[in-house]
C-alpha cells in the first residue's frame, strides 16, 4: 500500500515516515494555503490512500489568525477530500478534541454535538465538515494530547522546564488521554488498509491513550519515569490564562474505532518510556 501524506516535520507525519512506501509532503512541496494546489497533487498521485497529517496547530495564535487557520485546517482538507473522492482514494484526516466544548466528565462520543470554544477548534471542525461532505471514502480521526520525541509537545516542554526549575505549577482541572504520535501513525495505517477494501467503514472516530488523567498527573508521570526530582503544585485553569480557551474535558470514547478496525486504546505509559529513551538519545 502506497501512502501520500501531507505533512513532513510534524509529530504524526514523522512517525508515518517510518513506514515503507510513504511519501511525505512538506510545505515546500504542498502549500496548504493553496487548496487547489493540494488537490492537484492528489489528482496525479499513484498512491493508494491519502493522509492529511498537516495542520495549523498554534492554538493561541489562531485567535488572531483565524482566516489562516481556516484556510489550512478547513479549506485545504476539504479540497484534498474532494480530489480523493474523484480518484476513488481513501482520505484520512486528523482532527481534535477541541471540536467539543469540554464540559462534563464523560468521554466524548464521535456523534456528540460539536461546539468548539476557540478559533483552532472552529477551524478543525470546519475541516471535518468539508471532508465529510466531499462524498468519498474517508476517516476522520480525532485525537488529543499528542506527544513524541520530536516536535513541540507537553513531554518535551516538561523536560525543558525541569532543567530550569525545581518546582512547577501545572494545571490540574483539564483531563484527557495523552496519545503517542507513533500510535496515531499505526492506527492510520491500519485504517487506510481497511478502507481500501471496506469503504463502508467511512466515518468519524476517536483515538487517545489510556488511562485519562490531568495535565498535572501527566507531568508527574513524566518526571517519575525520567527520574527527575521536580516538586509540582496543581493550579486551576483560571490561574493559567491563555488567549484560547482550553477544554476541561478532553476524554474521548474510542470504542467505535476498536469495533470497526480492531484498534485498541494504547497505554500511553508504555509509549512514554520509549519517547523518554529517544529524547535522551537525541539530546
Protein backbone atom coordinates (compact mmCIF):
# COMPACT_ATOMS: atom_id res chain seq x y z
CA UNK A 1 0.00 0.00 0.00
CA UNK A 2 1.40 3.35 -1.08
CA UNK A 3 0.53 6.33 1.10
CA UNK A 4 0.66 10.02 0.22
CA UNK A 5 0.99 12.08 3.40
CA UNK A 6 0.51 15.82 3.65
CA UNK A 7 2.99 16.82 6.35
CA UNK A 8 6.65 16.09 6.86
CA UNK A 9 8.08 17.52 10.07
CA UNK A 10 5.04 17.25 12.36
CA UNK A 11 4.87 14.59 15.03
CA UNK A 12 2.47 12.21 13.26
CA UNK A 13 3.97 12.80 9.81
CA UNK A 14 7.41 11.99 11.19
CA UNK A 15 6.04 8.76 12.65
CA UNK A 16 4.34 7.86 9.36
CA UNK A 17 7.65 8.36 7.59
CA UNK A 18 8.96 5.24 9.33
CA UNK A 19 6.63 3.07 7.23
CA UNK A 20 7.51 1.74 3.75
CA UNK A 21 6.02 3.24 0.58
CA UNK A 22 5.16 6.54 2.27
CA UNK A 23 5.66 9.87 0.52
CA UNK A 24 5.78 12.87 2.87
CA UNK A 25 4.92 16.32 1.53
CA UNK A 26 6.40 19.27 3.38
CA UNK A 27 5.49 22.93 2.93
CA UNK A 28 7.90 23.23 0.01
CA UNK A 29 6.00 20.53 -1.89
CA UNK A 30 2.45 21.18 -0.70
CA UNK A 31 1.24 24.63 0.35
CA UNK A 32 -1.89 24.19 2.46
CA UNK A 33 -2.75 27.85 1.99
CA UNK A 34 -3.39 26.87 -1.64
CA UNK A 35 -6.10 24.17 -1.53
CA UNK A 36 -6.25 23.85 -5.32
CA UNK A 37 -2.53 23.02 -5.45
CA UNK A 38 -3.04 20.30 -2.83
CA UNK A 39 -5.91 18.85 -4.87
CA UNK A 40 -3.74 18.91 -8.00
CA UNK A 41 -1.11 16.79 -6.26
CA UNK A 42 -3.72 14.17 -5.43
CA UNK A 43 -5.04 14.18 -9.00
CA UNK A 44 -1.62 13.00 -10.18
CA UNK A 45 -0.57 10.65 -7.37
CA UNK A 46 -0.07 6.91 -7.73
CA UNK A 47 -0.76 6.40 -4.02
CA UNK A 48 -3.45 4.01 -2.81
CA UNK A 49 -4.61 6.31 0.00
CA UNK A 50 -4.01 9.84 1.25
CA UNK A 51 -3.45 11.01 4.83
CA UNK A 52 -3.56 14.63 5.95
CA UNK A 53 -1.17 14.97 8.88
CA UNK A 54 -0.54 18.69 8.34
CA UNK A 55 -2.35 21.46 10.19
CA UNK A 56 -2.21 24.92 11.72
CA UNK A 57 -1.62 23.79 15.32
CA UNK A 58 -0.70 27.05 17.09
CA UNK A 59 -3.85 27.16 19.22
CA UNK A 60 -3.29 30.57 20.79
CA UNK A 61 -2.04 32.18 17.57
CA UNK A 62 -5.20 31.03 15.81
CA UNK A 63 -7.16 33.51 17.92
CA UNK A 64 -5.65 36.36 15.90
CA UNK A 65 -5.09 34.41 12.66
CA UNK A 66 -8.38 32.56 12.28
CA UNK A 67 -8.67 33.13 8.50
CA UNK A 68 -5.28 31.47 8.01
CA UNK A 69 -6.21 28.63 10.36
CA UNK A 70 -9.43 28.13 8.39
CA UNK A 71 -7.55 28.01 5.10
CA UNK A 72 -5.12 25.38 6.35
CA UNK A 73 -7.37 23.35 8.65
CA UNK A 74 -10.64 23.55 6.71
CA UNK A 75 -10.34 24.63 3.07
CA UNK A 76 -7.25 22.52 2.33
CA UNK A 77 -8.51 19.18 3.73
CA UNK A 78 -11.89 19.75 2.04
CA UNK A 79 -10.13 20.18 -1.30
CA UNK A 80 -7.98 17.10 -0.60
CA UNK A 81 -11.06 15.03 0.24
CA UNK A 82 -12.83 16.16 -2.93
CA UNK A 83 -9.82 15.24 -5.05
CA UNK A 84 -9.64 11.84 -3.36
CA UNK A 85 -13.36 11.28 -4.00
CA UNK A 86 -12.82 11.92 -7.71
CA UNK A 87 -9.97 9.40 -7.79
CA UNK A 88 -11.72 6.86 -5.56
CA UNK A 89 -8.93 7.06 -2.95
CA UNK A 90 -9.50 6.74 0.80
CA UNK A 91 -8.76 10.01 2.60
CA UNK A 92 -7.77 10.04 6.27
CA UNK A 93 -7.75 13.28 8.24
CA UNK A 94 -6.57 14.02 11.78
CA UNK A 95 -8.84 16.16 13.93
CA UNK A 96 -9.00 17.19 17.55
CA UNK A 97 -10.80 17.01 20.88
CA UNK A 98 -11.04 20.80 20.58
CA UNK A 99 -14.17 20.42 18.43
CA UNK A 100 -16.07 19.86 21.71
CA UNK A 101 -16.87 22.40 24.41
CA UNK A 102 -15.03 20.44 27.11
CA UNK A 103 -17.96 20.24 29.50
CA UNK A 104 -18.85 17.38 31.82
CA UNK A 105 -16.70 14.41 32.73
CA UNK A 106 -17.90 11.65 30.38
CA UNK A 107 -15.70 10.64 27.42
CA UNK A 108 -16.91 12.29 24.22
CA UNK A 109 -18.61 10.04 21.66
CA UNK A 110 -17.90 10.54 17.93
CA UNK A 111 -21.52 11.57 17.31
CA UNK A 112 -21.71 14.06 20.17
CA UNK A 113 -22.53 17.59 19.07
CA UNK A 114 -19.52 19.73 18.25
CA UNK A 115 -19.27 23.11 19.99
CA UNK A 116 -15.70 24.42 19.62
CA UNK A 117 -14.73 27.12 22.09
CA UNK A 118 -11.79 28.67 20.24
CA UNK A 119 -10.62 29.55 16.73
CA UNK A 120 -8.47 26.46 16.38
CA UNK A 121 -11.39 24.22 17.31
CA UNK A 122 -13.67 26.02 14.87
CA UNK A 123 -11.17 25.53 12.05
CA UNK A 124 -10.76 21.84 12.84
CA UNK A 125 -14.49 21.25 12.92
CA UNK A 126 -14.96 23.14 9.65
CA UNK A 127 -12.37 20.78 8.18
CA UNK A 128 -14.35 17.78 9.39
CA UNK A 129 -17.49 19.10 7.69
CA UNK A 130 -15.62 19.66 4.44
CA UNK A 131 -14.14 16.16 4.47
CA UNK A 132 -17.49 14.53 5.26
CA UNK A 133 -19.32 16.50 2.56
CA UNK A 134 -16.79 15.54 -0.12
CA UNK A 135 -18.67 12.29 -0.59
CA UNK A 136 -15.73 9.91 -0.88
CA UNK A 137 -14.26 7.16 1.28
CA UNK A 138 -12.89 8.86 4.39
CA UNK A 139 -11.97 8.59 8.03
CA UNK A 140 -11.67 11.48 10.46
CA UNK A 141 -9.57 10.55 13.48
CA UNK A 142 -9.97 12.86 16.46
CA UNK A 143 -7.15 12.61 18.94
CA UNK A 144 -5.71 14.51 21.90
CA UNK A 145 -2.56 15.47 23.80
CA UNK A 146 -0.14 14.23 21.13
CA UNK A 147 3.45 13.59 22.21
CA UNK A 148 6.65 12.20 20.73
CA UNK A 149 10.41 12.62 20.86
CA UNK A 150 10.24 15.20 18.05
CA UNK A 151 8.40 18.48 17.56
CA UNK A 152 6.74 20.62 20.20
CA UNK A 153 4.67 18.84 22.83
CA UNK A 154 3.94 18.67 26.55
CA UNK A 155 6.51 15.97 27.31
CA UNK A 156 9.37 17.93 25.78
CA UNK A 157 8.18 21.14 27.42
CA UNK A 158 8.17 19.49 30.85
CA UNK A 159 11.66 18.07 30.30
CA UNK A 160 12.91 21.51 29.28
CA UNK A 161 11.31 23.23 32.26
CA UNK A 162 12.73 20.57 34.57
CA UNK A 163 16.20 21.73 33.57
CA UNK A 164 15.35 25.27 34.61
CA UNK A 165 13.19 24.87 37.72
CA UNK A 166 12.93 22.62 40.76
CA UNK A 167 9.25 23.44 41.31
CA UNK A 168 6.48 23.79 38.74
CA UNK A 169 2.82 24.82 38.85
CA UNK A 170 0.70 22.78 36.45
CA UNK A 171 -2.99 22.84 35.57
CA UNK A 172 -4.93 20.12 37.38
CA UNK A 173 -8.51 20.62 36.15
CA UNK A 174 -8.08 19.71 32.47
CA UNK A 175 -8.42 15.98 31.75
CA UNK A 176 -7.62 13.91 28.70
CA UNK A 177 -5.70 11.00 27.24
CA UNK A 178 -2.07 11.51 26.18
CA UNK A 179 -1.52 9.94 22.75
CA UNK A 180 1.80 8.94 21.23
CA UNK A 181 2.34 10.07 17.63
CA UNK A 182 3.66 6.60 16.83
CA UNK A 183 0.37 5.06 17.99
CA UNK A 184 -1.62 7.51 15.88
CA UNK A 185 0.50 6.68 12.83
CA UNK A 186 -0.02 2.94 13.38
CA UNK A 187 -3.77 3.46 13.69
CA UNK A 188 -3.92 5.50 10.49
CA UNK A 189 -2.02 2.86 8.51
CA UNK A 190 -4.35 0.13 9.79
CA UNK A 191 -7.40 2.24 8.94
CA UNK A 192 -6.12 3.09 5.45
CA UNK A 193 -5.65 -0.60 4.62
CA UNK A 194 -9.16 -1.41 5.85
CA UNK A 195 -10.80 1.43 3.94
CA UNK A 196 -9.29 0.18 0.68
CA UNK A 197 -11.49 -2.90 0.86
CA UNK A 198 -14.25 -1.67 3.17
CA UNK A 199 -15.28 1.89 2.27
CA UNK A 200 -18.40 1.40 4.36
CA UNK A 201 -16.18 1.94 7.41
CA UNK A 202 -16.01 5.63 6.49
CA UNK A 203 -16.82 7.94 9.39
CA UNK A 204 -15.59 9.85 12.41
CA UNK A 205 -13.57 8.02 15.06
CA UNK A 206 -11.80 8.79 18.33
CA UNK A 207 -8.33 7.67 19.36
CA UNK A 208 -6.44 8.59 22.52
CA UNK A 209 -4.19 6.97 25.06
CA UNK A 210 -5.41 5.43 28.30
CA UNK A 211 -5.88 5.97 31.15
CA UNK A 212 -7.18 9.54 31.17
CA UNK A 213 -5.69 11.96 33.69
CA UNK A 214 -4.95 15.64 34.34
CA UNK A 215 -2.04 17.64 32.95
CA UNK A 216 -0.61 17.69 36.48
CA UNK A 217 -0.75 13.90 36.74
CA UNK A 218 0.77 13.54 33.28
CA UNK A 219 3.63 15.84 34.26
CA UNK A 220 4.22 13.86 37.45
CA UNK A 221 4.39 10.65 35.41
CA UNK A 222 6.90 12.24 33.05
CA UNK A 223 9.13 13.36 35.93
CA UNK A 224 8.84 10.00 37.70
CA UNK A 225 9.72 7.98 34.62
CA UNK A 226 12.57 10.36 33.77
CA UNK A 227 13.90 10.22 37.34
CA UNK A 228 13.61 13.99 37.81
CA UNK A 229 13.04 15.25 41.40
CA UNK A 230 10.62 18.05 40.49
CA UNK A 231 8.14 19.39 43.01
CA UNK A 232 4.73 20.02 41.44
CA UNK A 233 1.73 22.06 42.51
CA UNK A 234 -1.70 21.82 40.91
CA UNK A 235 -3.45 25.01 39.85
CA UNK A 236 -6.84 25.64 38.19
CA UNK A 237 -7.08 26.76 34.59
CA UNK A 238 -8.23 30.17 35.83
CA UNK A 239 -4.73 30.76 37.23
CA UNK A 240 -3.09 29.97 33.89
CA UNK A 241 -4.87 32.22 31.39
CA UNK A 242 -4.23 31.73 27.66
CA UNK A 243 -5.56 33.60 24.60
CA UNK A 244 -7.50 30.49 23.52
CA UNK A 245 -9.93 28.79 25.89
CA UNK A 246 -8.90 25.20 26.65
CA UNK A 247 -11.42 22.36 27.16
CA UNK A 248 -11.59 20.98 30.67
CA UNK A 249 -12.80 17.57 29.49
CA UNK A 250 -10.89 16.09 26.56
CA UNK A 251 -11.67 12.46 27.35
CA UNK A 252 -12.53 10.52 24.18
CA UNK A 253 -14.54 7.30 23.85
CA UNK A 254 -12.63 5.07 21.44
CA UNK A 255 -14.98 2.07 21.39
CA UNK A 256 -16.19 2.51 17.80
CA UNK A 257 -12.61 2.54 16.50
CA UNK A 258 -11.95 -0.85 18.08
CA UNK A 259 -15.24 -2.20 16.77
CA UNK A 260 -14.61 -1.07 13.20
CA UNK A 261 -10.85 -1.57 12.88
CA UNK A 262 -9.78 -3.70 15.84
CA UNK A 263 -7.60 -0.87 17.16
CA UNK A 264 -7.44 -0.83 20.95
CA UNK A 265 -6.70 2.19 23.10
CA UNK A 266 -2.94 2.21 23.75
CA UNK A 267 -1.41 2.60 27.20
CA UNK A 268 0.39 5.94 26.96
CA UNK A 269 2.71 4.94 29.81
CA UNK A 270 4.42 2.38 27.60
CA UNK A 271 4.86 4.89 24.79
CA UNK A 272 6.18 7.46 27.26
CA UNK A 273 9.01 5.11 28.23
CA UNK A 274 10.03 4.84 24.58
CA UNK A 275 9.73 8.57 23.97
CA UNK A 276 11.85 9.41 27.01
CA UNK A 277 14.52 6.96 25.87
CA UNK A 278 14.57 8.51 22.39
CA UNK A 279 14.56 12.05 23.77
CA UNK A 280 17.57 11.20 25.96
CA UNK A 281 19.36 9.72 22.96
CA UNK A 282 18.59 12.81 20.83
CA UNK A 283 19.79 15.23 23.49
